[in-house]
Amino acid sequence: MPNRKEPLRRCVGCMEMKEKINLLRVVFSPNGEYIIDQTGKANGRGAYVCKNSECFIKAQKIKGLERSFKHKIPENIYKELHEVIIEFVK
């Protein structure tokens, strides 16, 4: 079988198109809560961030997630996302 092409998504920090598998997905679910979706399959509107601290810091500084969702992002989501990124770096 031929190799499947991996879907590309844009990081809200560096604004580069990267393979979906190399990004973390943050979801605004239909019931109005934010979820860090490590499976990539949760229902809702998604935005992607690279799995490195530099992109996370830049996304937070330029409010990339807030622009993507058109909502204010709770501070606890940024803290949780930063903890998940630190785990990937280890």
C-alpha atoms as a PDB file:
ATOM      1  CA  MET A   1       0.000   0.000   0.000  1.00  0.00           C
ATOM      2  CA  PRO A   2       1.219   3.521  -0.706  1.00  0.00           C
ATOM      3  CA  ASN A   3       2.159   5.745   2.221  1.00  0.00           C
ATOM      4  CA  ARG A   4      -0.626   8.025   3.422  1.00  0.00           C
ATOM      5  CA  LYS A   5       0.111  11.701   3.409  1.00  0.00           C
ATOM      6  CA  GLU A   6       0.023  13.200   6.922  1.00  0.00           C
ATOM      7  CA  PRO A   7      -2.402  16.154   7.247  1.00  0.00           C
ATOM      8  CA  LEU A   8      -0.882  19.599   7.786  1.00  0.00           C
ATOM      9  CA  ARG A   9      -2.041  22.147  10.363  1.00  0.00           C
ATOM     10  CA  ARG A  10      -0.884  25.691  11.183  1.00  0.00           C
ATOM     11  CA  CYS A  11       0.720  26.419  14.560  1.00  0.00           C
ATOM     12  CA  VAL A  12      -0.848  29.489  16.228  1.00  0.00           C
ATOM     13  CA  GLY A  13       2.600  30.461  17.598  1.00  0.00           C
ATOM     14  CA  CYS A  14       5.058  30.310  14.707  1.00  0.00           C
ATOM     15  CA  MET A  15       2.353  30.289  11.987  1.00  0.00           C
ATOM     16  CA  GLU A  16       4.139  27.481  10.124  1.00  0.00           C
ATOM     17  CA  MET A  17       2.364  24.548   8.509  1.00  0.00           C
ATOM     18  CA  LYS A  18       3.477  21.302  10.143  1.00  0.00           C
ATOM     19  CA  GLU A  19       2.335  17.701  10.253  1.00  0.00           C
ATOM     20  CA  LYS A  20      -0.590  17.239  12.616  1.00  0.00           C
ATOM     21  CA  ILE A  21       1.258  14.570  14.587  1.00  0.00           C
ATOM     22  CA  ASN A  22       3.938  17.123  15.588  1.00  0.00           C
ATOM     23  CA  LEU A  23       1.439  19.564  17.108  1.00  0.00           C
ATOM     24  CA  LEU A  24      -0.734  19.749  20.226  1.00  0.00           C
ATOM     25  CA  ARG A  25      -4.434  20.430  19.774  1.00  0.00           C
ATOM     26  CA  VAL A  26      -6.467  22.701  22.029  1.00  0.00           C
ATOM     27  CA  VAL A  27     -10.232  22.256  21.636  1.00  0.00           C
ATOM     28  CA  PHE A  28     -13.149  24.541  22.437  1.00  0.00           C
ATOM     29  CA  SER A  29     -15.813  21.899  22.985  1.00  0.00           C
ATOM     30  CA  PRO A  30     -19.512  22.276  22.118  1.00  0.00           C
ATOM     31  CA  ASN A  31     -20.355  22.560  25.834  1.00  0.00           C
ATOM     32  CA  GLY A  32     -18.080  25.613  26.169  1.00  0.00           C
ATOM     33  CA  GLU A  33     -14.962  24.238  27.838  1.00  0.00           C
ATOM     34  CA  TYR A  34     -11.345  24.182  26.703  1.00  0.00           C
ATOM     35  CA  ILE A  35      -9.588  20.820  26.472  1.00  0.00           C
ATOM     36  CA  ILE A  36      -6.013  19.893  25.622  1.00  0.00           C
ATOM     37  CA  ASP A  37      -6.668  17.071  23.178  1.00  0.00           C
ATOM     38  CA  GLN A  38      -3.697  14.735  22.925  1.00  0.00           C
ATOM     39  CA  THR A  39      -5.663  12.218  20.846  1.00  0.00           C
ATOM     40  CA  GLY A  40      -6.605  14.737  18.146  1.00  0.00           C
ATOM     41  CA  LYS A  41     -10.131  13.362  17.974  1.00  0.00           C
ATOM     42  CA  ALA A  42     -12.171  15.386  20.495  1.00  0.00           C
ATOM     43  CA  ASN A  43     -15.284  17.159  19.237  1.00  0.00           C
ATOM     44  CA  GLY A  44     -15.151  20.917  18.870  1.00  0.00           C
ATOM     45  CA  ARG A  45     -13.175  23.721  17.293  1.00  0.00           C
ATOM     46  CA  GLY A  46      -9.441  23.032  17.389  1.00  0.00           C
ATOM     47  CA  ALA A  47      -6.279  25.107  17.280  1.00  0.00           C
ATOM     48  CA  TYR A  48      -2.753  23.749  17.138  1.00  0.00           C
ATOM     49  CA  VAL A  49       0.520  24.653  18.839  1.00  0.00           C
ATOM     50  CA  CYS A  50       3.994  23.171  18.308  1.00  0.00           C
ATOM     51  CA  LYS A  51       5.331  20.856  20.982  1.00  0.00           C
ATOM     52  CA  ASN A  52       8.059  23.280  22.044  1.00  0.00           C
ATOM     53  CA  SER A  53       8.298  26.089  24.572  1.00  0.00           C
ATOM     54  CA  GLU A  54       9.285  28.780  22.068  1.00  0.00           C
ATOM     55  CA  CYS A  55       6.093  28.399  20.032  1.00  0.00           C
ATOM     56  CA  PHE A  56       3.987  28.185  23.179  1.00  0.00           C
ATOM     57  CA  ILE A  57       5.447  31.431  24.536  1.00  0.00           C
ATOM     58  CA  LYS A  58       4.990  33.154  21.191  1.00  0.00           C
ATOM     59  CA  ALA A  59       1.381  31.882  20.888  1.00  0.00           C
ATOM     60  CA  GLN A  60       0.635  33.235  24.354  1.00  0.00           C
ATOM     61  CA  LYS A  61       2.319  36.572  23.609  1.00  0.00           C
ATOM     62  CA  ILE A  62       0.527  37.179  20.297  1.00  0.00           C
ATOM     63  CA  LYS A  63      -2.736  35.665  21.638  1.00  0.00           C
ATOM     64  CA  GLY A  64      -2.840  33.069  18.859  1.00  0.00           C
ATOM     65  CA  LEU A  65      -5.303  30.803  20.656  1.00  0.00           C
ATOM     66  CA  GLU A  66      -7.592  33.702  21.522  1.00  0.00           C
ATOM     67  CA  ARG A  67      -7.649  34.841  17.893  1.00  0.00           C
ATOM     68  CA  SER A  68      -8.354  31.318  16.707  1.00  0.00           C
ATOM     69  CA  PHE A  69     -11.267  30.763  19.097  1.00  0.00           C
ATOM     70  CA  LYS A  70     -12.447  34.396  19.226  1.00  0.00           C
ATOM     71  CA  HIS A  71     -12.696  33.986  23.020  1.00  0.00           C
ATOM     72  CA  LYS A  72     -10.591  34.809  26.055  1.00  0.00           C
ATOM     73  CA  ILE A  73      -8.555  31.753  27.067  1.00  0.00           C
ATOM     74  CA  PRO A  74      -8.528  30.965  30.824  1.00  0.00           C
ATOM     75  CA  GLU A  75      -5.086  31.177  32.449  1.00  0.00           C
ATOM     76  CA  ASN A  76      -5.356  27.594  33.729  1.00  0.00           C
ATOM     77  CA  ILE A  77      -5.460  26.329  30.111  1.00  0.00           C
ATOM     78  CA  TYR A  78      -2.161  28.086  29.388  1.00  0.00           C
ATOM     79  CA  LYS A  79      -0.639  26.536  32.537  1.00  0.00           C
ATOM     80  CA  GLU A  80      -1.911  23.066  31.642  1.00  0.00           C
ATOM     81  CA  LEU A  81      -0.679  23.411  28.055  1.00  0.00           C
ATOM     82  CA  HIS A  82       2.755  24.520  29.266  1.00  0.00           C
ATOM     83  CA  GLU A  83       2.975  21.469  31.565  1.00  0.00           C
ATOM     84  CA  VAL A  84       2.089  19.142  28.675  1.00  0.00           C
ATOM     85  CA  ILE A  85       4.746  20.780  26.458  1.00  0.00           C
ATOM     86  CA  ILE A  86       7.370  20.397  29.194  1.00  0.00           C
ATOM     87  CA  GLU A  87       6.554  16.663  29.337  1.00  0.00           C
ATOM     88  CA  PHE A  88       7.163  16.360  25.564  1.00  0.00           C
ATOM     89  CA  VAL A  89      10.527  18.100  25.833  1.00  0.00           C
ATOM     90  CA  LYS A  90      11.794  15.619  28.461  1.00  0.00           C
END
